[in-house]
Amino acid sequence: ADATALPFDDGSFDIATISFALHEMPATIRAATLAEMLRVTKPGGTVVVVDWGLPKGYVARHAVYRAVRFFEDAHYTEFIRLDLANLLARSGINVAAEHDVLWGAARVVVGTKGSAP
C-alpha cells in the first residue's frame, strides 16, 4: 500500500514499524509517512523505525557514508544528517530508546504514539 495513505482504520495496530525506507523518501513524503504510521497506531502503541546510521568513529563513519552513498539515491545524504529521534518526536512519537546496530551503520529507534501527532 501507499505509505502515505494506508488502507486501515485509525488506531488499528498496537505496533507500526518501518525498515530501511525513510531514507528513500523526500522530506515531505517522509513526514506524511510518519503521520500515517501514527494514524493507524493505537494511542500508547509502539512505533519502531529501523534505518541507516553512521558509526561514531571518524574512519568508520566516513567509510560507511561513502559505501552506502554509492548505491543509495540523493535522499540518503539528506536523511543521514537528520536527527532521527528529533524528527520522530516532532511527529508525535515519544522516543523511548535508540540503538545502534551493525557497528553503528544502522539504528533502531523505538517510541510510543504520543497524545497528539
PDB file of N, CA and C in Angstrom:
ATOM      1  N   ALA A   1       0.840  -1.188   0.000  1.00  0.00           N
ATOM      2  CA  ALA A   1       0.000   0.000   0.000  1.00  0.00           C
ATOM      3  C   ALA A   1       0.884   1.251   0.000  1.00  0.00           C
ATOM      4  N   ASP A   2       0.316   2.337  -0.392  1.00  0.00           N
ATOM      5  CA  ASP A   2       0.987   3.627  -0.358  1.00  0.00           C
ATOM      6  C   ASP A   2       1.195   4.005   1.108  1.00  0.00           C
ATOM      7  N   ALA A   3       2.428   4.221   1.497  1.00  0.00           N
ATOM      8  CA  ALA A   3       2.744   4.526   2.900  1.00  0.00           C
ATOM      9  C   ALA A   3       2.139   5.839   3.371  1.00  0.00           C
ATOM     10  N   THR A   4       1.742   6.699   2.446  1.00  0.00           N
ATOM     11  CA  THR A   4       1.131   7.977   2.826  1.00  0.00           C
ATOM     12  C   THR A   4      -0.394   7.904   2.860  1.00  0.00           C
ATOM     13  N   ALA A   5      -0.961   6.743   2.537  1.00  0.00           N
ATOM     14  CA  ALA A   5      -2.423   6.564   2.534  1.00  0.00           C
ATOM     15  C   ALA A   5      -2.742   5.095   2.810  1.00  0.00           C
ATOM     16  N   LEU A   6      -2.431   4.642   4.009  1.00  0.00           N
ATOM     17  CA  LEU A   6      -2.622   3.241   4.358  1.00  0.00           C
ATOM     18  C   LEU A   6      -4.112   2.884   4.409  1.00  0.00           C
ATOM     19  N   PRO A   7      -4.473   1.693   3.914  1.00  0.00           N
ATOM     20  CA  PRO A   7      -5.877   1.290   3.852  1.00  0.00           C
ATOM     21  C   PRO A   7      -6.373   0.657   5.156  1.00  0.00           C
ATOM     22  N   PHE A   8      -6.135   1.325   6.282  1.00  0.00           N
ATOM     23  CA  PHE A   8      -6.535   0.814   7.591  1.00  0.00           C
ATOM     24  C   PHE A   8      -7.208   1.917   8.383  1.00  0.00           C
ATOM     25  N   ASP A   9      -8.074   1.522   9.301  1.00  0.00           N
ATOM     26  CA  ASP A   9      -8.757   2.484  10.164  1.00  0.00           C
ATOM     27  C   ASP A   9      -7.788   3.097  11.160  1.00  0.00           C
ATOM     28  N   ASP A  10      -8.151   4.252  11.682  1.00  0.00           N
ATOM     29  CA  ASP A  10      -7.377   4.899  12.738  1.00  0.00           C
ATOM     30  C   ASP A  10      -7.217   3.934  13.909  1.00  0.00           C
ATOM     31  N   GLY A  11      -6.031   3.916  14.498  1.00  0.00           N
ATOM     32  CA  GLY A  11      -5.789   3.103  15.690  1.00  0.00           C
ATOM     33  C   GLY A  11      -5.971   1.613  15.494  1.00  0.00           C
ATOM     34  N   SER A  12      -5.639   1.102  14.319  1.00  0.00           N
ATOM     35  CA  SER A  12      -5.817  -0.321  14.023  1.00  0.00           C
ATOM     36  C   SER A  12      -4.745  -1.225  14.625  1.00  0.00           C
ATOM     37  N   PHE A  13      -3.569  -0.695  14.905  1.00  0.00           N
ATOM     38  CA  PHE A  13      -2.439  -1.542  15.262  1.00  0.00           C
ATOM     39  C   PHE A  13      -1.809  -1.158  16.600  1.00  0.00           C
ATOM     40  N   ASP A  14      -1.347  -2.171  17.319  1.00  0.00           N
ATOM     41  CA  ASP A  14      -0.595  -1.958  18.552  1.00  0.00           C
ATOM     42  C   ASP A  14       0.822  -1.494  18.233  1.00  0.00           C
ATOM     43  N   ILE A  15       1.344  -1.948  17.100  1.00  0.00           N
ATOM     44  CA  ILE A  15       2.721  -1.646  16.695  1.00  0.00           C
ATOM     45  C   ILE A  15       2.743  -1.269  15.216  1.00  0.00           C
ATOM     46  N   ALA A  16       3.494  -0.221  14.894  1.00  0.00           N
ATOM     47  CA  ALA A  16       3.762   0.135  13.497  1.00  0.00           C
ATOM     48  C   ALA A  16       5.273   0.207  13.332  1.00  0.00           C
ATOM     49  N   THR A  17       5.769  -0.311  12.221  1.00  0.00           N
ATOM     50  CA  THR A  17       7.204  -0.305  12.002  1.00  0.00           C
ATOM     51  C   THR A  17       7.525   0.008  10.548  1.00  0.00           C
ATOM     52  N   ILE A  18       8.678   0.587  10.351  1.00  0.00           N
ATOM     53  CA  ILE A  18       9.183   0.842   9.011  1.00  0.00           C
ATOM     54  C   ILE A  18      10.677   0.545   9.032  1.00  0.00           C
ATOM     55  N   SER A  19      11.142  -0.143   8.011  1.00  0.00           N
ATOM     56  CA  SER A  19      12.522  -0.596   7.997  1.00  0.00           C
ATOM     57  C   SER A  19      13.211  -0.220   6.685  1.00  0.00           C
ATOM     58  N   PHE A  20      14.279   0.539   6.798  1.00  0.00           N
ATOM     59  CA  PHE A  20      15.111   0.949   5.668  1.00  0.00           C
ATOM     60  C   PHE A  20      14.283   1.513   4.512  1.00  0.00           C
ATOM     61  N   ALA A  21      13.372   2.418   4.837  1.00  0.00           N
ATOM     62  CA  ALA A  21      12.561   3.050   3.803  1.00  0.00           C
ATOM     63  C   ALA A  21      12.566   4.571   3.918  1.00  0.00           C
ATOM     64  N   LEU A  22      12.634   5.115   5.128  1.00  0.00           N
ATOM     65  CA  LEU A  22      12.563   6.570   5.281  1.00  0.00           C
ATOM     66  C   LEU A  22      13.675   7.281   4.515  1.00  0.00           C
ATOM     67  N   HIS A  23      14.846   6.679   4.433  1.00  0.00           N
ATOM     68  CA  HIS A  23      15.960   7.326   3.727  1.00  0.00           C
ATOM     69  C   HIS A  23      15.736   7.383   2.217  1.00  0.00           C
ATOM     70  N   GLU A  24      14.767   6.644   1.717  1.00  0.00           N
ATOM     71  CA  GLU A  24      14.459   6.628   0.285  1.00  0.00           C
ATOM     72  C   GLU A  24      13.501   7.746  -0.110  1.00  0.00           C
ATOM     73  N   MET A  25      12.960   8.475   0.882  1.00  0.00           N
ATOM     74  CA  MET A  25      11.876   9.422   0.633  1.00  0.00           C
ATOM     75  C   MET A  25      12.327  10.877   0.746  1.00  0.00           C
ATOM     76  N   PRO A  26      11.734  11.744  -0.092  1.00  0.00           N
ATOM     77  CA  PRO A  26      11.960  13.170   0.140  1.00  0.00           C
ATOM     78  C   PRO A  26      11.301  13.571   1.456  1.00  0.00           C
ATOM     79  N   ALA A  27      11.705  14.681   2.011  1.00  0.00           N
ATOM     80  CA  ALA A  27      11.248  15.101   3.344  1.00  0.00           C
ATOM     81  C   ALA A  27       9.728  15.156   3.461  1.00  0.00           C
ATOM     82  N   THR A  28       9.041  15.646   2.443  1.00  0.00           N
ATOM     83  CA  THR A  28       7.578  15.770   2.530  1.00  0.00           C
ATOM     84  C   THR A  28       6.906  14.402   2.596  1.00  0.00           C
ATOM     85  N   ILE A  29       7.388  13.452   1.825  1.00  0.00           N
ATOM     86  CA  ILE A  29       6.820  12.094   1.843  1.00  0.00           C
ATOM     87  C   ILE A  29       7.173  11.408   3.159  1.00  0.00           C
ATOM     88  N   ARG A  30       8.390  11.640   3.648  1.00  0.00           N
ATOM     89  CA  ARG A  30       8.813  11.076   4.940  1.00  0.00           C
ATOM     90  C   ARG A  30       7.879  11.546   6.053  1.00  0.00           C
ATOM     91  N   ALA A  31       7.562  12.835   6.087  1.00  0.00           N
ATOM     92  CA  ALA A  31       6.668  13.378   7.104  1.00  0.00           C
ATOM     93  C   ALA A  31       5.266  12.790   6.973  1.00  0.00           C
ATOM     94  N   ALA A  32       4.779  12.676   5.742  1.00  0.00           N
ATOM     95  CA  ALA A  32       3.444  12.100   5.517  1.00  0.00           C
ATOM     96  C   ALA A  32       3.402  10.635   5.923  1.00  0.00           C
ATOM     97  N   THR A  33       4.483   9.914   5.685  1.00  0.00           N
ATOM     98  CA  THR A  33       4.556   8.506   6.066  1.00  0.00           C
ATOM     99  C   THR A  33       4.520   8.350   7.582  1.00  0.00           C
ATOM    100  N   LEU A  34       5.284   9.169   8.292  1.00  0.00           N
ATOM    101  CA  LEU A  34       5.265   9.103   9.753  1.00  0.00           C
ATOM    102  C   LEU A  34       3.890   9.467  10.305  1.00  0.00           C
ATOM    103  N   ALA A  35       3.254  10.467   9.716  1.00  0.00           N
ATOM    104  CA  ALA A  35       1.904  10.851  10.156  1.00  0.00           C
ATOM    105  C   ALA A  35       0.923   9.704   9.944  1.00  0.00           C
ATOM    106  N   GLU A  36       1.060   9.020   8.840  1.00  0.00           N
ATOM    107  CA  GLU A  36       0.168   7.900   8.551  1.00  0.00           C
ATOM    108  C   GLU A  36       0.441   6.721   9.484  1.00  0.00           C
ATOM    109  N   MET A  37       1.708   6.476   9.805  1.00  0.00           N
ATOM    110  CA  MET A  37       2.037   5.438  10.789  1.00  0.00           C
ATOM    111  C   MET A  37       1.363   5.742  12.120  1.00  0.00           C
ATOM    112  N   LEU A  38       1.422   6.990  12.525  1.00  0.00           N
ATOM    113  CA  LEU A  38       0.790   7.375  13.786  1.00  0.00           C
ATOM    114  C   LEU A  38      -0.723   7.228  13.721  1.00  0.00           C
ATOM    115  N   ARG A  39      -1.308   7.581  12.607  1.00  0.00           N
ATOM    116  CA  ARG A  39      -2.757   7.488  12.471  1.00  0.00           C
ATOM    117  C   ARG A  39      -3.255   6.062  12.691  1.00  0.00           C
ATOM    118  N   VAL A  40      -2.539   5.088  12.143  1.00  0.00           N
ATOM    119  CA  VAL A  40      -3.006   3.697  12.244  1.00  0.00           C
ATOM    120  C   VAL A  40      -2.556   3.001  13.532  1.00  0.00           C
ATOM    121  N   THR A  41      -1.737   3.680  14.333  1.00  0.00           N
ATOM    122  CA  THR A  41      -1.275   3.113  15.602  1.00  0.00           C
ATOM    123  C   THR A  41      -2.214   3.534  16.724  1.00  0.00           C
ATOM    124  N   LYS A  42      -2.534   2.587  17.604  1.00  0.00           N
ATOM    125  CA  LYS A  42      -3.402   2.882  18.753  1.00  0.00           C
ATOM    126  C   LYS A  42      -2.715   3.870  19.692  1.00  0.00           C
ATOM    127  N   PRO A  43      -3.490   4.678  20.421  1.00  0.00           N
ATOM    128  CA  PRO A  43      -2.882   5.555  21.433  1.00  0.00           C
ATOM    129  C   PRO A  43      -2.036   4.719  22.404  1.00  0.00           C
ATOM    130  N   GLY A  44      -0.823   5.181  22.647  1.00  0.00           N
ATOM    131  CA  GLY A  44       0.104   4.452  23.510  1.00  0.00           C
ATOM    132  C   GLY A  44       0.789   3.291  22.815  1.00  0.00           C
ATOM    133  N   GLY A  45       0.478   3.082  21.513  1.00  0.00           N
ATOM    134  CA  GLY A  45       1.089   1.996  20.759  1.00  0.00           C
ATOM    135  C   GLY A  45       2.553   2.256  20.466  1.00  0.00           C
ATOM    136  N   THR A  46       3.227   1.232  20.026  1.00  0.00           N
ATOM    137  CA  THR A  46       4.666   1.294  19.768  1.00  0.00           C
ATOM    138  C   THR A  46       4.948   1.597  18.303  1.00  0.00           C
ATOM    139  N   VAL A  47       5.944   2.439  18.084  1.00  0.00           N
ATOM    140  CA  VAL A  47       6.414   2.763  16.739  1.00  0.00           C
ATOM    141  C   VAL A  47       7.903   2.428  16.693  1.00  0.00           C
ATOM    142  N   VAL A  48       8.303   1.650  15.676  1.00  0.00           N
ATOM    143  CA  VAL A  48       9.700   1.240  15.531  1.00  0.00           C
ATOM    144  C   VAL A  48      10.187   1.667  14.155  1.00  0.00           C
ATOM    145  N   VAL A  49      11.319   2.367  14.137  1.00  0.00           N
ATOM    146  CA  VAL A  49      11.939   2.800  12.887  1.00  0.00           C
ATOM    147  C   VAL A  49      13.344   2.209  12.837  1.00  0.00           C
ATOM    148  N   VAL A  50      13.641   1.513  11.748  1.00  0.00           N
ATOM    149  CA  VAL A  50      14.970   0.956  11.511  1.00  0.00           C
ATOM    150  C   VAL A  50      15.484   1.577  10.220  1.00  0.00           C
ATOM    151  N   ASP A  51      16.667   2.157  10.272  1.00  0.00           N
ATOM    152  CA  ASP A  51      17.217   2.764   9.060  1.00  0.00           C
ATOM    153  C   ASP A  51      18.717   2.994   9.228  1.00  0.00           C
ATOM    154  N   TRP A  52      19.319   3.543   8.193  1.00  0.00           N
ATOM    155  CA  TRP A  52      20.755   3.801   8.216  1.00  0.00           C
ATOM    156  C   TRP A  52      21.158   4.727   9.359  1.00  0.00           C
ATOM    157  N   GLY A  53      22.370   4.545   9.821  1.00  0.00           N
ATOM    158  CA  GLY A  53      23.006   5.411  10.793  1.00  0.00           C
ATOM    159  C   GLY A  53      24.460   5.552  10.387  1.00  0.00           C
ATOM    160  N   LEU A  54      25.233   6.183  11.249  1.00  0.00           N
ATOM    161  CA  LEU A  54      26.666   6.305  10.995  1.00  0.00           C
ATOM    162  C   LEU A  54      27.424   5.952  12.263  1.00  0.00           C
ATOM    163  N   PRO A  55      28.502   5.190  12.123  1.00  0.00           N
ATOM    164  CA  PRO A  55      29.329   4.893  13.297  1.00  0.00           C
ATOM    165  C   PRO A  55      29.884   6.170  13.912  1.00  0.00           C
ATOM    166  N   LYS A  56      30.307   6.085  15.138  1.00  0.00           N
ATOM    167  CA  LYS A  56      30.824   7.263  15.849  1.00  0.00           C
ATOM    168  C   LYS A  56      32.259   7.617  15.460  1.00  0.00           C
ATOM    169  N   GLY A  57      33.077   6.645  15.190  1.00  0.00           N
ATOM    170  CA  GLY A  57      34.472   6.888  14.831  1.00  0.00           C
ATOM    171  C   GLY A  57      34.613   7.490  13.442  1.00  0.00           C
ATOM    172  N   TYR A  58      35.574   8.399  13.289  1.00  0.00           N
ATOM    173  CA  TYR A  58      35.742   9.135  12.043  1.00  0.00           C
ATOM    174  C   TYR A  58      35.958   8.220  10.835  1.00  0.00           C
ATOM    175  N   VAL A  59      36.891   7.285  10.937  1.00  0.00           N
ATOM    176  CA  VAL A  59      37.227   6.432   9.795  1.00  0.00           C
ATOM    177  C   VAL A  59      36.036   5.551   9.418  1.00  0.00           C
ATOM    178  N   ALA A  60      35.427   4.907  10.405  1.00  0.00           N
ATOM    179  CA  ALA A  60      34.268   4.050  10.133  1.00  0.00           C
ATOM    180  C   ALA A  60      33.100   4.876   9.594  1.00  0.00           C
ATOM    181  N   ARG A  61      32.893   6.044  10.180  1.00  0.00           N
ATOM    182  CA  ARG A  61      31.800   6.935   9.742  1.00  0.00           C
ATOM    183  C   ARG A  61      31.981   7.307   8.268  1.00  0.00           C
ATOM    184  N   HIS A  62      33.179   7.705   7.911  1.00  0.00           N
ATOM    185  CA  HIS A  62      33.486   8.094   6.539  1.00  0.00           C
ATOM    186  C   HIS A  62      33.316   6.905   5.590  1.00  0.00           C
ATOM    187  N   ALA A  63      33.810   5.750   5.985  1.00  0.00           N
ATOM    188  CA  ALA A  63      33.734   4.556   5.139  1.00  0.00           C
ATOM    189  C   ALA A  63      32.284   4.125   4.914  1.00  0.00           C
ATOM    190  N   VAL A  64      31.489   4.098   5.970  1.00  0.00           N
ATOM    191  CA  VAL A  64      30.082   3.698   5.831  1.00  0.00           C
ATOM    192  C   VAL A  64      29.329   4.704   4.974  1.00  0.00           C
ATOM    193  N   TYR A  65      29.538   5.983   5.229  1.00  0.00           N
ATOM    194  CA  TYR A  65      28.850   7.014   4.449  1.00  0.00           C
ATOM    195  C   TYR A  65      29.171   6.864   2.962  1.00  0.00           C
ATOM    196  N   ARG A  66      30.433   6.734   2.638  1.00  0.00           N
ATOM    197  CA  ARG A  66      30.844   6.598   1.233  1.00  0.00           C
ATOM    198  C   ARG A  66      30.272   5.334   0.600  1.00  0.00           C
ATOM    199  N   ALA A  67      30.347   4.218   1.321  1.00  0.00           N
ATOM    200  CA  ALA A  67      29.863   2.949   0.774  1.00  0.00           C
ATOM    201  C   ALA A  67      28.359   2.980   0.529  1.00  0.00           C
ATOM    202  N   VAL A  68      27.601   3.461   1.497  1.00  0.00           N
ATOM    203  CA  VAL A  68      26.149   3.487   1.351  1.00  0.00           C
ATOM    204  C   VAL A  68      25.729   4.503   0.298  1.00  0.00           C
ATOM    205  N   ARG A  69      26.363   5.661   0.297  1.00  0.00           N
ATOM    206  CA  ARG A  69      26.029   6.700  -0.677  1.00  0.00           C
ATOM    207  C   ARG A  69      26.258   6.224  -2.110  1.00  0.00           C
ATOM    208  N   PHE A  70      27.180   5.311  -2.284  1.00  0.00           N
ATOM    209  CA  PHE A  70      27.490   4.781  -3.619  1.00  0.00           C
ATOM    210  C   PHE A  70      26.265   4.136  -4.262  1.00  0.00           C
ATOM    211  N   PHE A  71      25.441   3.436  -3.469  1.00  0.00           N
ATOM    212  CA  PHE A  71      24.295   2.741  -4.059  1.00  0.00           C
ATOM    213  C   PHE A  71      22.930   3.307  -3.649  1.00  0.00           C
ATOM    214  N   GLU A  72      22.900   4.355  -2.847  1.00  0.00           N
ATOM    215  CA  GLU A  72      21.635   4.992  -2.477  1.00  0.00           C
ATOM    216  C   GLU A  72      21.422   6.262  -3.295  1.00  0.00           C
ATOM    217  N   ASP A  73      20.177   6.735  -3.333  1.00  0.00           N
ATOM    218  CA  ASP A  73      19.885   7.949  -4.090  1.00  0.00           C
ATOM    219  C   ASP A  73      20.175   9.200  -3.254  1.00  0.00           C
ATOM    220  N   ALA A  74      19.832  10.344  -3.800  1.00  0.00           N
ATOM    221  CA  ALA A  74      20.160  11.629  -3.174  1.00  0.00           C
ATOM    222  C   ALA A  74      19.473  11.831  -1.823  1.00  0.00           C
ATOM    223  N   HIS A  75      18.365  11.166  -1.575  1.00  0.00           N
ATOM    224  CA  HIS A  75      17.658  11.352  -0.305  1.00  0.00           C
ATOM    225  C   HIS A  75      18.465  10.817   0.885  1.00  0.00           C
ATOM    226  N   TYR A  76      19.335   9.852   0.641  1.00  0.00           N
ATOM    227  CA  TYR A  76      20.167   9.305   1.718  1.00  0.00           C
ATOM    228  C   TYR A  76      21.026  10.398   2.355  1.00  0.00           C
ATOM    229  N   THR A  77      21.658  11.216   1.537  1.00  0.00           N
ATOM    230  CA  THR A  77      22.552  12.252   2.047  1.00  0.00           C
ATOM    231  C   THR A  77      21.819  13.203   2.981  1.00  0.00           C
ATOM    232  N   GLU A  78      20.623  13.601   2.613  1.00  0.00           N
ATOM    233  CA  GLU A  78      19.823  14.487   3.470  1.00  0.00           C
ATOM    234  C   GLU A  78      19.353  13.746   4.723  1.00  0.00           C
ATOM    235  N   PHE A  79      18.912  12.510   4.549  1.00  0.00           N
ATOM    236  CA  PHE A  79      18.386  11.733   5.663  1.00  0.00           C
ATOM    237  C   PHE A  79      19.451  11.466   6.732  1.00  0.00           C
ATOM    238  N   ILE A  80      20.643  11.101   6.307  1.00  0.00           N
ATOM    239  CA  ILE A  80      21.674  10.684   7.258  1.00  0.00           C
ATOM    240  C   ILE A  80      22.111  11.836   8.145  1.00  0.00           C
ATOM    241  N   ARG A  81      21.891  13.059   7.706  1.00  0.00           N
ATOM    242  CA  ARG A  81      22.250  14.231   8.502  1.00  0.00           C
ATOM    243  C   ARG A  81      21.157  14.624   9.491  1.00  0.00           C
ATOM    244  N   LEU A  82      19.992  14.000   9.370  1.00  0.00           N
ATOM    245  CA  LEU A  82      18.877  14.301  10.274  1.00  0.00           C
ATOM    246  C   LEU A  82      19.127  13.782  11.679  1.00  0.00           C
ATOM    247  N   ASP A  83      18.558  14.453  12.636  1.00  0.00           N
ATOM    248  CA  ASP A  83      18.457  13.925  13.989  1.00  0.00           C
ATOM    249  C   ASP A  83      17.155  13.119  13.994  1.00  0.00           C
ATOM    250  N   LEU A  84      17.260  11.815  13.752  1.00  0.00           N
ATOM    251  CA  LEU A  84      16.084  10.975  13.574  1.00  0.00           C
ATOM    252  C   LEU A  84      15.187  10.986  14.802  1.00  0.00           C
ATOM    253  N   ALA A  85      15.757  10.908  15.985  1.00  0.00           N
ATOM    254  CA  ALA A  85      14.946  10.918  17.211  1.00  0.00           C
ATOM    255  C   ALA A  85      14.164  12.226  17.319  1.00  0.00           C
ATOM    256  N   ASN A  86      14.787  13.333  16.960  1.00  0.00           N
ATOM    257  CA  ASN A  86      14.106  14.631  16.992  1.00  0.00           C
ATOM    258  C   ASN A  86      12.983  14.685  15.950  1.00  0.00           C
ATOM    259  N   LEU A  87      13.232  14.170  14.748  1.00  0.00           N
ATOM    260  CA  LEU A  87      12.197  14.119  13.717  1.00  0.00           C
ATOM    261  C   LEU A  87      10.994  13.317  14.207  1.00  0.00           C
ATOM    262  N   LEU A  88      11.248  12.181  14.831  1.00  0.00           N
ATOM    263  CA  LEU A  88      10.153  11.349  15.334  1.00  0.00           C
ATOM    264  C   LEU A  88       9.408  12.065  16.453  1.00  0.00           C
ATOM    265  N   ALA A  89      10.129  12.722  17.336  1.00  0.00           N
ATOM    266  CA  ALA A  89       9.493  13.457  18.436  1.00  0.00           C
ATOM    267  C   ALA A  89       8.605  14.574  17.889  1.00  0.00           C
ATOM    268  N   ARG A  90       9.090  15.293  16.889  1.00  0.00           N
ATOM    269  CA  ARG A  90       8.282  16.356  16.274  1.00  0.00           C
ATOM    270  C   ARG A  90       7.051  15.795  15.573  1.00  0.00           C
ATOM    271  N   SER A  91       7.121  14.527  15.181  1.00  0.00           N
ATOM    272  CA  SER A  91       5.997  13.876  14.507  1.00  0.00           C
ATOM    273  C   SER A  91       4.962  13.338  15.480  1.00  0.00           C
ATOM    274  N   GLY A  92       5.262  13.374  16.787  1.00  0.00           N
ATOM    275  CA  GLY A  92       4.319  12.876  17.784  1.00  0.00           C
ATOM    276  C   GLY A  92       4.694  11.547  18.391  1.00  0.00           C
ATOM    277  N   ILE A  93       5.915  11.114  18.167  1.00  0.00           N
ATOM    278  CA  ILE A  93       6.400   9.852  18.715  1.00  0.00           C
ATOM    279  C   ILE A  93       7.275  10.158  19.920  1.00  0.00           C
ATOM    280  N   ASN A  94       6.918   9.597  21.057  1.00  0.00           N
ATOM    281  CA  ASN A  94       7.720   9.755  22.267  1.00  0.00           C
ATOM    282  C   ASN A  94       8.839   8.719  22.224  1.00  0.00           C
ATOM    283  N   VAL A  95      10.038   9.154  21.878  1.00  0.00           N
ATOM    284  CA  VAL A  95      11.172   8.244  21.713  1.00  0.00           C
ATOM    285  C   VAL A  95      11.591   7.690  23.066  1.00  0.00           C
ATOM    286  N   ALA A  96      11.589   6.360  23.167  1.00  0.00           N
ATOM    287  CA  ALA A  96      11.949   5.686  24.406  1.00  0.00           C
ATOM    288  C   ALA A  96      13.366   5.124  24.366  1.00  0.00           C
ATOM    289  N   ALA A  97      13.824   4.738  23.170  1.00  0.00           N
ATOM    290  CA  ALA A  97      15.152   4.133  23.061  1.00  0.00           C
ATOM    291  C   ALA A  97      15.669   4.284  21.642  1.00  0.00           C
ATOM    292  N   GLU A  98      16.984   4.387  21.557  1.00  0.00           N
ATOM    293  CA  GLU A  98      17.655   4.430  20.259  1.00  0.00           C
ATOM    294  C   GLU A  98      18.869   3.521  20.359  1.00  0.00           C
ATOM    295  N   HIS A  99      18.972   2.574  19.434  1.00  0.00           N
ATOM    296  CA  HIS A  99      20.041   1.578  19.481  1.00  0.00           C
ATOM    297  C   HIS A  99      20.824   1.585  18.176  1.00  0.00           C
ATOM    298  N   ASP A 100      22.139   1.624  18.283  1.00  0.00           N
ATOM    299  CA  ASP A 100      22.997   1.434  17.116  1.00  0.00           C
ATOM    300  C   ASP A 100      23.121  -0.060  16.875  1.00  0.00           C
ATOM    301  N   VAL A 101      23.039  -0.463  15.601  1.00  0.00           N
ATOM    302  CA  VAL A 101      23.237  -1.855  15.217  1.00  0.00           C
ATOM    303  C   VAL A 101      24.200  -1.886  14.038  1.00  0.00           C
ATOM    304  N   LEU A 102      24.709  -3.038  13.727  1.00  0.00           N
ATOM    305  CA  LEU A 102      25.685  -3.195  12.649  1.00  0.00           C
ATOM    306  C   LEU A 102      26.862  -2.247  12.839  1.00  0.00           C
ATOM    307  N   TRP A 103      27.372  -2.195  14.061  1.00  0.00           N
ATOM    308  CA  TRP A 103      28.515  -1.364  14.432  1.00  0.00           C
ATOM    309  C   TRP A 103      28.263   0.119  14.177  1.00  0.00           C
ATOM    310  N   GLY A 104      27.002   0.522  14.241  1.00  0.00           N
ATOM    311  CA  GLY A 104      26.633   1.919  14.047  1.00  0.00           C
ATOM    312  C   GLY A 104      26.179   2.266  12.649  1.00  0.00           C
ATOM    313  N   ALA A 105      26.270   1.331  11.722  1.00  0.00           N
ATOM    314  CA  ALA A 105      25.861   1.606  10.346  1.00  0.00           C
ATOM    315  C   ALA A 105      24.347   1.692  10.201  1.00  0.00           C
ATOM    316  N   ALA A 106      23.633   1.212  11.198  1.00  0.00           N
ATOM    317  CA  ALA A 106      22.169   1.294  11.202  1.00  0.00           C
ATOM    318  C   ALA A 106      21.716   1.635  12.611  1.00  0.00           C
ATOM    319  N   ARG A 107      20.450   2.025  12.720  1.00  0.00           N
ATOM    320  CA  ARG A 107      19.909   2.375  14.028  1.00  0.00           C
ATOM    321  C   ARG A 107      18.463   1.914  14.122  1.00  0.00           C
ATOM    322  N   VAL A 108      18.070   1.619  15.343  1.00  0.00           N
ATOM    323  CA  VAL A 108      16.703   1.228  15.651  1.00  0.00           C
ATOM    324  C   VAL A 108      16.198   2.238  16.682  1.00  0.00           C
ATOM    325  N   VAL A 109      15.105   2.926  16.344  1.00  0.00           N
ATOM    326  CA  VAL A 109      14.515   3.887  17.257  1.00  0.00           C
ATOM    327  C   VAL A 109      13.125   3.358  17.629  1.00  0.00           C
ATOM    328  N   VAL A 110      12.882   3.266  18.931  1.00  0.00           N
ATOM    329  CA  VAL A 110      11.619   2.747  19.449  1.00  0.00           C
ATOM    330  C   VAL A 110      10.938   3.844  20.246  1.00  0.00           C
ATOM    331  N   GLY A 111       9.663   4.021  19.997  1.00  0.00           N
ATOM    332  CA  GLY A 111       8.898   5.026  20.717  1.00  0.00           C
ATOM    333  C   GLY A 111       7.453   4.623  20.863  1.00  0.00           C
ATOM    334  N   THR A 112       6.687   5.509  21.451  1.00  0.00           N
ATOM    335  CA  THR A 112       5.249   5.282  21.587  1.00  0.00           C
ATOM    336  C   THR A 112       4.507   6.449  20.975  1.00  0.00           C
ATOM    337  N   LYS A 113       3.290   6.162  20.554  1.00  0.00           N
ATOM    338  CA  LYS A 113       2.447   7.204  19.999  1.00  0.00           C
ATOM    339  C   LYS A 113       2.066   8.165  21.102  1.00  0.00           C
ATOM    340  N   GLY A 114       2.394   9.434  20.886  1.00  0.00           N
ATOM    341  CA  GLY A 114       2.034  10.464  21.859  1.00  0.00           C
ATOM    342  C   GLY A 114       0.557  10.787  21.785  1.00  0.00           C
ATOM    343  N   SER A 115       0.123  11.712  22.611  1.00  0.00           N
ATOM    344  CA  SER A 115      -1.287  12.056  22.668  1.00  0.00           C
ATOM    345  C   SER A 115      -1.754  12.825  21.439  1.00  0.00           C
ATOM    346  N   ALA A 116      -0.850  13.564  20.798  1.00  0.00           N
ATOM    347  CA  ALA A 116      -1.234  14.329  19.613  1.00  0.00           C
ATOM    348  C   ALA A 116      -0.110  14.312  18.588  1.00  0.00           C
ATOM    349  N   PRO A 117      -0.356  13.722  17.399  1.00  0.00           N
ATOM    350  CA  PRO A 117       0.695  13.677  16.372  1.00  0.00           C
ATOM    351  C   PRO A 117       0.976  15.051  15.789  1.00  0.00           C
TER     352      PRO A 117
END
